[in-house]
Amino acid sequence: MTAEHKHVRRPVVAALRKLKAFAVENGHIYPGTPDVAYVGGWIELKELDKFPVRPTTPVRVRHFTPEQRAWHVAWEYHGGVSWVLLKVGKYDWLLFRGTVAADILGNVVRSELESAAVLVMESGLDREKLFRCLQTTKT
């Protein structure tokens, strides 16, 4: 587990304990594989220090690689469920379907990101909301 993801991964895995979530570290074996697996799907975790100051500036996510984007598209194309969970600053969390994130993440402004998100949590990670969203969402 990388140091940068430690404080993001742990609360997500803990929130999804009932769904048997666990951290995954095999990017060298299969490039693009997400950070967390759970019964029902996969979650890629991304983190930014803050949103851009200007509302017209796209929200850049530098470490969302072409391999990760392709992984989400292929996984969902074949019937799987995948997500990208973006943490911004201390309190904002946005959850996207994997294919939606593959298409827009890094290319649109904050308001468009928030509109495209399946779940927006502005007061920190709401474990119960995240659990319910992932538990009830299928392909």
C-alpha atoms as a PDB file:
ATOM      1  CA  MET A   1       0.000   0.000   0.000  1.00  0.00           C
ATOM      2  CA  THR A   2       1.482   3.329  -1.004  1.00  0.00           C
ATOM      3  CA  ALA A   3       1.808   6.033   1.609  1.00  0.00           C
ATOM      4  CA  GLU A   4      -0.327   8.433  -0.428  1.00  0.00           C
ATOM      5  CA  HIS A   5      -3.299   6.041  -0.477  1.00  0.00           C
ATOM      6  CA  LYS A   6      -3.015   4.750   3.091  1.00  0.00           C
ATOM      7  CA  HIS A   7      -5.372   7.334   4.600  1.00  0.00           C
ATOM      8  CA  VAL A   8      -7.831   6.927   1.700  1.00  0.00           C
ATOM      9  CA  ARG A   9      -7.811   3.149   1.344  1.00  0.00           C
ATOM     10  CA  ARG A  10      -8.204   2.229   4.985  1.00  0.00           C
ATOM     11  CA  PRO A  11     -11.509   4.044   5.582  1.00  0.00           C
ATOM     12  CA  VAL A  12     -12.942   2.756   2.292  1.00  0.00           C
ATOM     13  CA  VAL A  13     -12.019  -0.846   3.054  1.00  0.00           C
ATOM     14  CA  ALA A  14     -13.383  -0.445   6.584  1.00  0.00           C
ATOM     15  CA  ALA A  15     -16.642   1.047   5.278  1.00  0.00           C
ATOM     16  CA  LEU A  16     -17.100  -1.955   2.995  1.00  0.00           C
ATOM     17  CA  ARG A  17     -16.144  -4.642   5.496  1.00  0.00           C
ATOM     18  CA  LYS A  18     -19.594  -6.247   5.135  1.00  0.00           C
ATOM     19  CA  LEU A  19     -18.897  -6.570   1.397  1.00  0.00           C
ATOM     20  CA  LYS A  20     -15.560  -8.325   2.115  1.00  0.00           C
ATOM     21  CA  ALA A  21     -13.493  -5.431   0.707  1.00  0.00           C
ATOM     22  CA  PHE A  22      -9.727  -5.676   0.535  1.00  0.00           C
ATOM     23  CA  ALA A  23      -6.850  -3.598  -0.838  1.00  0.00           C
ATOM     24  CA  VAL A  24      -5.262  -4.805  -4.072  1.00  0.00           C
ATOM     25  CA  GLU A  25      -1.626  -4.317  -5.086  1.00  0.00           C
ATOM     26  CA  ASN A  26      -1.008  -5.965  -8.438  1.00  0.00           C
ATOM     27  CA  GLY A  27      -0.573  -3.158 -10.942  1.00  0.00           C
ATOM     28  CA  HIS A  28       2.611  -4.771 -12.239  1.00  0.00           C
ATOM     29  CA  ILE A  29       0.867  -8.059 -12.937  1.00  0.00           C
ATOM     30  CA  TYR A  30      -2.197  -6.566 -14.628  1.00  0.00           C
ATOM     31  CA  PRO A  31      -1.811  -2.829 -15.362  1.00  0.00           C
ATOM     32  CA  GLY A  32      -4.807  -0.697 -14.511  1.00  0.00           C
ATOM     33  CA  THR A  33      -6.243  -2.955 -11.816  1.00  0.00           C
ATOM     34  CA  PRO A  34      -8.152  -0.860  -9.237  1.00  0.00           C
ATOM     35  CA  ASP A  35      -7.089  -0.351  -5.614  1.00  0.00           C
ATOM     36  CA  VAL A  36      -9.964  -2.081  -3.827  1.00  0.00           C
ATOM     37  CA  ALA A  37     -11.981  -5.210  -4.573  1.00  0.00           C
ATOM     38  CA  TYR A  38     -15.258  -6.103  -2.858  1.00  0.00           C
ATOM     39  CA  VAL A  39     -18.053  -8.606  -3.394  1.00  0.00           C
ATOM     40  CA  GLY A  40     -19.742  -7.046  -6.384  1.00  0.00           C
ATOM     41  CA  GLY A  41     -17.020  -4.922  -7.952  1.00  0.00           C
ATOM     42  CA  TRP A  42     -13.820  -2.905  -7.955  1.00  0.00           C
ATOM     43  CA  ILE A  43     -12.942   0.642  -6.854  1.00  0.00           C
ATOM     44  CA  GLU A  44     -10.102   2.843  -8.084  1.00  0.00           C
ATOM     45  CA  LEU A  45      -9.131   5.483  -5.502  1.00  0.00           C
ATOM     46  CA  LYS A  46      -7.938   8.929  -6.524  1.00  0.00           C
ATOM     47  CA  GLU A  47      -7.012  11.917  -4.408  1.00  0.00           C
ATOM     48  CA  LEU A  48      -6.504  15.629  -5.016  1.00  0.00           C
ATOM     49  CA  ASP A  49      -5.355  18.299  -2.575  1.00  0.00           C
ATOM     50  CA  LYS A  50      -8.102  20.708  -3.646  1.00  0.00           C
ATOM     51  CA  PHE A  51     -10.444  21.726  -6.435  1.00  0.00           C
ATOM     52  CA  PRO A  52      -9.220  24.422  -8.852  1.00  0.00           C
ATOM     53  CA  VAL A  53      -9.889  27.970  -7.661  1.00  0.00           C
ATOM     54  CA  ARG A  54     -11.626  29.032 -10.887  1.00  0.00           C
ATOM     55  CA  PRO A  55     -14.889  27.248 -11.684  1.00  0.00           C
ATOM     56  CA  THR A  56     -13.930  27.206 -15.385  1.00  0.00           C
ATOM     57  CA  THR A  57     -10.709  25.233 -14.812  1.00  0.00           C
ATOM     58  CA  PRO A  58     -10.933  21.486 -15.469  1.00  0.00           C
ATOM     59  CA  VAL A  59     -10.285  19.256 -12.455  1.00  0.00           C
ATOM     60  CA  ARG A  60      -7.067  17.469 -13.421  1.00  0.00           C
ATOM     61  CA  VAL A  61      -6.360  14.000 -12.047  1.00  0.00           C
ATOM     62  CA  ARG A  62      -2.767  13.370 -13.111  1.00  0.00           C
ATOM     63  CA  HIS A  63      -2.467   9.806 -11.914  1.00  0.00           C
ATOM     64  CA  PHE A  64      -5.526   8.367 -13.662  1.00  0.00           C
ATOM     65  CA  THR A  65      -3.599   6.482 -16.314  1.00  0.00           C
ATOM     66  CA  PRO A  66      -4.678   5.331 -19.772  1.00  0.00           C
ATOM     67  CA  GLU A  67      -4.313   1.736 -18.512  1.00  0.00           C
ATOM     68  CA  GLN A  68      -6.678   2.421 -15.618  1.00  0.00           C
ATOM     69  CA  ARG A  69      -9.223   4.070 -17.908  1.00  0.00           C
ATOM     70  CA  ALA A  70      -9.046   1.126 -20.328  1.00  0.00           C
ATOM     71  CA  TRP A  71      -9.424  -1.353 -17.466  1.00  0.00           C
ATOM     72  CA  HIS A  72     -12.721   0.245 -16.359  1.00  0.00           C
ATOM     73  CA  VAL A  73     -14.109   0.358 -19.880  1.00  0.00           C
ATOM     74  CA  ALA A  74     -13.205  -3.285 -20.573  1.00  0.00           C
ATOM     75  CA  TRP A  75     -14.445  -4.519 -17.193  1.00  0.00           C
ATOM     76  CA  GLU A  76     -17.851  -2.896 -17.547  1.00  0.00           C
ATOM     77  CA  TYR A  77     -18.105  -3.866 -21.225  1.00  0.00           C
ATOM     78  CA  HIS A  78     -17.877  -7.486 -20.119  1.00  0.00           C
ATOM     79  CA  GLY A  79     -20.569  -7.065 -17.453  1.00  0.00           C
ATOM     80  CA  GLY A  80     -18.498  -6.188 -14.400  1.00  0.00           C
ATOM     81  CA  VAL A  81     -19.038  -3.327 -11.974  1.00  0.00           C
ATOM     82  CA  SER A  82     -16.306  -0.760 -11.391  1.00  0.00           C
ATOM     83  CA  TRP A  83     -16.065   2.615  -9.709  1.00  0.00           C
ATOM     84  CA  VAL A  84     -13.714   5.514  -9.193  1.00  0.00           C
ATOM     85  CA  LEU A  85     -13.854   7.222  -5.806  1.00  0.00           C
ATOM     86  CA  LEU A  86     -12.242  10.663  -5.820  1.00  0.00           C
ATOM     87  CA  LYS A  87     -11.292  12.367  -2.563  1.00  0.00           C
ATOM     88  CA  VAL A  88     -10.661  16.109  -2.783  1.00  0.00           C
ATOM     89  CA  GLY A  89      -9.184  17.945   0.180  1.00  0.00           C
ATOM     90  CA  LYS A  90     -10.243  16.822   3.640  1.00  0.00           C
ATOM     91  CA  TYR A  91     -13.968  16.400   3.161  1.00  0.00           C
ATOM     92  CA  ASP A  92     -15.153  15.996  -0.451  1.00  0.00           C
ATOM     93  CA  TRP A  93     -15.677  12.505  -1.907  1.00  0.00           C
ATOM     94  CA  LEU A  94     -17.224  11.788  -5.322  1.00  0.00           C
ATOM     95  CA  LEU A  95     -18.140   8.336  -6.619  1.00  0.00           C
ATOM     96  CA  PHE A  96     -18.322   7.625 -10.356  1.00  0.00           C
ATOM     97  CA  ARG A  97     -19.109   4.567 -12.450  1.00  0.00           C
ATOM     98  CA  GLY A  98     -15.844   3.379 -13.946  1.00  0.00           C
ATOM     99  CA  THR A  99     -16.794   4.098 -17.551  1.00  0.00           C
ATOM    100  CA  VAL A 100     -18.028   7.577 -16.692  1.00  0.00           C
ATOM    101  CA  ALA A 101     -14.773   8.348 -14.881  1.00  0.00           C
ATOM    102  CA  ALA A 102     -12.771   6.927 -17.794  1.00  0.00           C
ATOM    103  CA  ASP A 103     -14.550   9.350 -20.088  1.00  0.00           C
ATOM    104  CA  ILE A 104     -14.640  12.581 -18.082  1.00  0.00           C
ATOM    105  CA  LEU A 105     -12.252  12.504 -15.115  1.00  0.00           C
ATOM    106  CA  GLY A 106      -9.532  15.072 -15.720  1.00  0.00           C
ATOM    107  CA  ASN A 107     -11.382  16.737 -18.596  1.00  0.00           C
ATOM    108  CA  VAL A 108     -14.298  18.600 -17.002  1.00  0.00           C
ATOM    109  CA  VAL A 109     -14.908  21.312 -14.414  1.00  0.00           C
ATOM    110  CA  ARG A 110     -16.056  20.734 -10.847  1.00  0.00           C
ATOM    111  CA  SER A 111     -19.755  21.352 -11.516  1.00  0.00           C
ATOM    112  CA  GLU A 112     -19.750  18.755 -14.310  1.00  0.00           C
ATOM    113  CA  LEU A 113     -17.955  16.251 -12.090  1.00  0.00           C
ATOM    114  CA  GLU A 114     -20.495  16.714  -9.329  1.00  0.00           C
ATOM    115  CA  SER A 115     -23.357  16.288 -11.809  1.00  0.00           C
ATOM    116  CA  ALA A 116     -21.858  13.078 -13.191  1.00  0.00           C
ATOM    117  CA  ALA A 117     -21.156  11.534  -9.798  1.00  0.00           C
ATOM    118  CA  VAL A 118     -23.423   8.775  -8.519  1.00  0.00           C
ATOM    119  CA  LEU A 119     -22.696   9.924  -4.977  1.00  0.00           C
ATOM    120  CA  VAL A 120     -21.319  13.228  -3.656  1.00  0.00           C
ATOM    121  CA  MET A 121     -20.245  13.443  -0.006  1.00  0.00           C
ATOM    122  CA  GLU A 122     -19.249  16.956   1.048  1.00  0.00           C
ATOM    123  CA  SER A 123     -18.789  16.376   4.780  1.00  0.00           C
ATOM    124  CA  GLY A 124     -16.343  13.507   4.683  1.00  0.00           C
ATOM    125  CA  LEU A 125     -16.681   9.857   3.796  1.00  0.00           C
ATOM    126  CA  ASP A 126     -20.183   8.703   4.722  1.00  0.00           C
ATOM    127  CA  ARG A 127     -19.552   5.008   5.217  1.00  0.00           C
ATOM    128  CA  GLU A 128     -23.221   4.071   5.312  1.00  0.00           C
ATOM    129  CA  LYS A 129     -24.091   5.952   2.104  1.00  0.00           C
ATOM    130  CA  LEU A 130     -21.117   4.443   0.290  1.00  0.00           C
ATOM    131  CA  PHE A 131     -22.016   0.951   1.502  1.00  0.00           C
ATOM    132  CA  ARG A 132     -25.673   1.307   0.481  1.00  0.00           C
ATOM    133  CA  CYS A 133     -24.780   2.725  -2.936  1.00  0.00           C
ATOM    134  CA  LEU A 134     -22.375  -0.102  -3.758  1.00  0.00           C
ATOM    135  CA  GLN A 135     -24.565  -2.787  -2.231  1.00  0.00           C
ATOM    136  CA  THR A 136     -27.617  -1.812  -4.245  1.00  0.00           C
ATOM    137  CA  THR A 137     -25.931  -0.998  -7.561  1.00  0.00           C
ATOM    138  CA  LYS A 138     -25.462  -3.793 -10.030  1.00  0.00           C
ATOM    139  CA  THR A 139     -24.371  -3.628 -13.673  1.00  0.00           C
END
